[in-house]
Amino acid sequence: MREIERKVWEALRKVRDPELKVSMVDAGLIKKVEEKGGVVTVEFTLTTPFCPYADLLALAIKKAAESVEGVKEARVRIVGIKM
């Protein structure tokens, strides 16, 4: 794992799922972090199909990833539902 990817994972630990009241990382909702040339892609899942917090979570994930030194841009994708 690249250093930037490791730091992004650490930053994502601060993003909490408002329903579960735990970190998205600890809940197993962050599925992938990949960095290429300063652009980070983060893939995550939701806990329900019509999660009212989907946009809020995506924005929080993007901000957390972009707070890491060396990250120029963060792209966030929802990749499924964890039931």
N, C-alpha and C. Protein backbone atom coordinates (compact mmCIF):
# COMPACT_ATOMS: atom_id res chain seq x y z
N MET A 1 0.84 -1.18 0.00
CA MET A 1 0.00 0.00 0.00
C MET A 1 0.89 1.24 0.00
N ARG A 2 0.54 2.18 -0.83
CA ARG A 2 1.30 3.43 -0.91
C ARG A 2 1.07 4.27 0.33
N GLU A 3 2.04 5.12 0.63
CA GLU A 3 1.97 5.98 1.82
C GLU A 3 0.72 6.87 1.78
N ILE A 4 0.44 7.48 0.64
CA ILE A 4 -0.74 8.35 0.55
C ILE A 4 -2.01 7.53 0.81
N GLU A 5 -2.09 6.34 0.27
CA GLU A 5 -3.27 5.49 0.49
C GLU A 5 -3.43 5.18 1.97
N ARG A 6 -2.33 4.87 2.64
CA ARG A 6 -2.38 4.59 4.08
C ARG A 6 -2.89 5.80 4.85
N LYS A 7 -2.41 6.99 4.47
CA LYS A 7 -2.84 8.21 5.16
C LYS A 7 -4.31 8.52 4.88
N VAL A 8 -4.78 8.22 3.69
CA VAL A 8 -6.20 8.42 3.38
C VAL A 8 -7.05 7.49 4.23
N TRP A 9 -6.64 6.22 4.35
CA TRP A 9 -7.38 5.29 5.22
C TRP A 9 -7.47 5.85 6.64
N GLU A 10 -6.36 6.41 7.14
CA GLU A 10 -6.36 7.00 8.49
C GLU A 10 -7.35 8.16 8.55
N ALA A 11 -7.33 9.03 7.55
CA ALA A 11 -8.24 10.19 7.53
C ALA A 11 -9.69 9.73 7.48
N LEU A 12 -9.96 8.66 6.77
CA LEU A 12 -11.33 8.16 6.64
C LEU A 12 -11.86 7.58 7.94
N ARG A 13 -10.99 7.24 8.87
CA ARG A 13 -11.45 6.73 10.18
C ARG A 13 -12.25 7.80 10.93
N LYS A 14 -12.08 9.06 10.56
CA LYS A 14 -12.81 10.16 11.22
C LYS A 14 -14.22 10.34 10.65
N VAL A 15 -14.50 9.71 9.51
CA VAL A 15 -15.82 9.81 8.90
C VAL A 15 -16.72 8.76 9.53
N ARG A 16 -17.76 9.22 10.21
CA ARG A 16 -18.63 8.30 10.94
C ARG A 16 -19.98 8.16 10.24
N ASP A 17 -20.47 6.94 10.21
CA ASP A 17 -21.81 6.70 9.70
C ASP A 17 -22.79 7.21 10.75
N PRO A 18 -23.69 8.15 10.39
CA PRO A 18 -24.58 8.74 11.39
C PRO A 18 -25.59 7.76 11.99
N GLU A 19 -25.90 6.70 11.28
CA GLU A 19 -26.85 5.72 11.82
C GLU A 19 -26.16 4.69 12.71
N LEU A 20 -25.00 4.22 12.26
CA LEU A 20 -24.28 3.19 13.02
C LEU A 20 -23.47 3.77 14.17
N LYS A 21 -23.15 5.06 14.08
CA LYS A 21 -22.37 5.77 15.12
C LYS A 21 -20.94 5.24 15.24
N VAL A 22 -20.41 4.72 14.14
CA VAL A 22 -19.02 4.24 14.11
C VAL A 22 -18.35 4.74 12.84
N SER A 23 -17.05 4.63 12.81
CA SER A 23 -16.26 5.01 11.65
C SER A 23 -16.68 4.18 10.44
N MET A 24 -16.70 4.82 9.28
CA MET A 24 -17.00 4.11 8.04
C MET A 24 -15.98 2.98 7.81
N VAL A 25 -14.73 3.22 8.19
CA VAL A 25 -13.69 2.21 8.04
C VAL A 25 -13.97 1.03 8.96
N ASP A 26 -14.23 1.32 10.24
CA ASP A 26 -14.48 0.26 11.21
C ASP A 26 -15.74 -0.54 10.89
N ALA A 27 -16.71 0.11 10.26
CA ALA A 27 -17.95 -0.57 9.89
C ALA A 27 -17.77 -1.41 8.62
N GLY A 28 -16.61 -1.31 7.98
CA GLY A 28 -16.36 -2.08 6.76
C GLY A 28 -17.04 -1.50 5.53
N LEU A 29 -17.40 -0.21 5.59
CA LEU A 29 -18.11 0.42 4.48
C LEU A 29 -17.19 1.02 3.43
N ILE A 30 -15.92 1.26 3.79
CA ILE A 30 -14.94 1.73 2.81
C ILE A 30 -14.34 0.49 2.17
N LYS A 31 -14.52 0.33 0.89
CA LYS A 31 -14.11 -0.89 0.20
C LYS A 31 -12.76 -0.77 -0.49
N LYS A 32 -12.42 0.43 -0.95
CA LYS A 32 -11.19 0.55 -1.72
C LYS A 32 -10.68 1.98 -1.67
N VAL A 33 -9.37 2.12 -1.54
CA VAL A 33 -8.69 3.41 -1.67
C VAL A 33 -7.53 3.18 -2.62
N GLU A 34 -7.51 3.96 -3.68
CA GLU A 34 -6.45 3.80 -4.68
C GLU A 34 -5.96 5.19 -5.09
N GLU A 35 -4.63 5.35 -5.18
CA GLU A 35 -4.04 6.63 -5.55
C GLU A 35 -3.18 6.48 -6.79
N LYS A 36 -3.34 7.41 -7.71
CA LYS A 36 -2.50 7.47 -8.90
C LYS A 36 -2.24 8.94 -9.21
N GLY A 37 -1.00 9.35 -9.14
CA GLY A 37 -0.64 10.71 -9.49
C GLY A 37 -1.32 11.78 -8.66
N GLY A 38 -1.58 11.50 -7.43
CA GLY A 38 -2.22 12.47 -6.55
C GLY A 38 -3.74 12.46 -6.60
N VAL A 39 -4.31 11.64 -7.47
CA VAL A 39 -5.77 11.49 -7.55
C VAL A 39 -6.15 10.21 -6.80
N VAL A 40 -7.01 10.38 -5.82
CA VAL A 40 -7.43 9.25 -4.98
C VAL A 40 -8.86 8.86 -5.34
N THR A 41 -9.08 7.58 -5.51
CA THR A 41 -10.43 7.05 -5.71
C THR A 41 -10.80 6.26 -4.46
N VAL A 42 -11.96 6.59 -3.90
CA VAL A 42 -12.48 5.89 -2.73
C VAL A 42 -13.81 5.27 -3.11
N GLU A 43 -13.95 3.97 -2.87
CA GLU A 43 -15.20 3.28 -3.11
C GLU A 43 -15.79 2.88 -1.76
N PHE A 44 -17.10 3.12 -1.61
CA PHE A 44 -17.75 2.76 -0.35
C PHE A 44 -19.14 2.21 -0.61
N THR A 45 -19.67 1.53 0.40
CA THR A 45 -21.02 0.98 0.32
C THR A 45 -21.91 1.69 1.32
N LEU A 46 -23.20 1.57 1.10
CA LEU A 46 -24.20 2.12 2.00
C LEU A 46 -24.81 0.99 2.82
N THR A 47 -25.49 1.34 3.90
CA THR A 47 -26.12 0.32 4.74
C THR A 47 -27.55 0.02 4.31
N THR A 48 -28.17 0.94 3.56
CA THR A 48 -29.53 0.74 3.07
C THR A 48 -29.63 1.27 1.64
N PRO A 49 -30.51 0.72 0.84
CA PRO A 49 -30.62 1.15 -0.56
C PRO A 49 -30.97 2.63 -0.72
N PHE A 50 -31.79 3.16 0.15
CA PHE A 50 -32.22 4.55 0.03
C PHE A 50 -31.67 5.38 1.19
N CYS A 51 -30.40 5.21 1.47
CA CYS A 51 -29.75 5.90 2.59
C CYS A 51 -29.90 7.42 2.44
N PRO A 52 -30.52 8.06 3.42
CA PRO A 52 -30.71 9.51 3.33
C PRO A 52 -29.40 10.29 3.50
N TYR A 53 -28.35 9.62 3.91
CA TYR A 53 -27.07 10.27 4.16
C TYR A 53 -26.04 10.04 3.05
N ALA A 54 -26.44 9.43 1.95
CA ALA A 54 -25.49 9.07 0.90
C ALA A 54 -24.67 10.26 0.42
N ASP A 55 -25.33 11.36 0.10
CA ASP A 55 -24.60 12.54 -0.38
C ASP A 55 -23.71 13.13 0.69
N LEU A 56 -24.22 13.18 1.91
CA LEU A 56 -23.44 13.71 3.03
C LEU A 56 -22.20 12.86 3.27
N LEU A 57 -22.35 11.55 3.23
CA LEU A 57 -21.22 10.65 3.43
C LEU A 57 -20.20 10.79 2.31
N ALA A 58 -20.67 10.87 1.07
CA ALA A 58 -19.75 11.03 -0.06
C ALA A 58 -18.95 12.32 0.07
N LEU A 59 -19.61 13.40 0.48
CA LEU A 59 -18.91 14.67 0.65
C LEU A 59 -17.90 14.60 1.80
N ALA A 60 -18.29 13.96 2.90
CA ALA A 60 -17.38 13.83 4.05
C ALA A 60 -16.16 12.98 3.67
N ILE A 61 -16.37 11.93 2.90
CA ILE A 61 -15.27 11.07 2.45
C ILE A 61 -14.34 11.86 1.54
N LYS A 62 -14.91 12.63 0.62
CA LYS A 62 -14.12 13.45 -0.31
C LYS A 62 -13.27 14.45 0.46
N LYS A 63 -13.88 15.15 1.40
CA LYS A 63 -13.15 16.15 2.20
C LYS A 63 -12.04 15.50 3.02
N ALA A 64 -12.32 14.36 3.63
CA ALA A 64 -11.31 13.68 4.43
C ALA A 64 -10.13 13.26 3.56
N ALA A 65 -10.42 12.69 2.40
CA ALA A 65 -9.34 12.25 1.51
C ALA A 65 -8.52 13.44 1.01
N GLU A 66 -9.19 14.52 0.67
CA GLU A 66 -8.48 15.69 0.14
C GLU A 66 -7.72 16.46 1.22
N SER A 67 -7.97 16.14 2.47
CA SER A 67 -7.21 16.79 3.56
C SER A 67 -5.82 16.20 3.71
N VAL A 68 -5.57 15.08 3.06
CA VAL A 68 -4.28 14.39 3.16
C VAL A 68 -3.26 15.07 2.24
N GLU A 69 -2.11 15.37 2.79
CA GLU A 69 -1.05 15.99 2.02
C GLU A 69 -0.66 15.10 0.83
N GLY A 70 -0.58 15.70 -0.33
CA GLY A 70 -0.23 14.97 -1.53
C GLY A 70 -1.43 14.58 -2.38
N VAL A 71 -2.62 14.71 -1.82
CA VAL A 71 -3.83 14.40 -2.58
C VAL A 71 -4.29 15.66 -3.30
N LYS A 72 -4.34 15.59 -4.62
CA LYS A 72 -4.77 16.72 -5.44
C LYS A 72 -6.29 16.71 -5.64
N GLU A 73 -6.84 15.52 -5.73
CA GLU A 73 -8.27 15.37 -5.99
C GLU A 73 -8.73 14.03 -5.45
N ALA A 74 -9.97 13.99 -4.95
CA ALA A 74 -10.55 12.73 -4.50
C ALA A 74 -11.83 12.48 -5.28
N ARG A 75 -11.95 11.27 -5.77
CA ARG A 75 -13.16 10.83 -6.47
C ARG A 75 -13.82 9.75 -5.61
N VAL A 76 -15.09 9.89 -5.41
CA VAL A 76 -15.81 9.00 -4.50
C VAL A 76 -16.92 8.29 -5.27
N ARG A 77 -17.00 6.96 -5.07
CA ARG A 77 -18.02 6.16 -5.75
C ARG A 77 -18.73 5.25 -4.76
N ILE A 78 -20.05 5.19 -4.92
CA ILE A 78 -20.83 4.21 -4.17
C ILE A 78 -20.84 2.94 -5.00
N VAL A 79 -20.46 1.82 -4.36
CA VAL A 79 -20.31 0.57 -5.10
C VAL A 79 -21.26 -0.54 -4.65
N GLY A 80 -22.20 -0.22 -3.79
CA GLY A 80 -23.15 -1.25 -3.39
C GLY A 80 -23.79 -0.97 -2.05
N ILE A 81 -24.49 -1.96 -1.58
CA ILE A 81 -25.22 -1.90 -0.32
C ILE A 81 -24.72 -3.02 0.57
N LYS A 82 -24.38 -2.70 1.82
CA LYS A 82 -23.99 -3.72 2.79
C LYS A 82 -25.17 -3.99 3.69
N MET A 83 -25.68 -5.20 3.62
CA MET A 83 -26.86 -5.52 4.43
C MET A 83 -26.49 -6.49 5.51
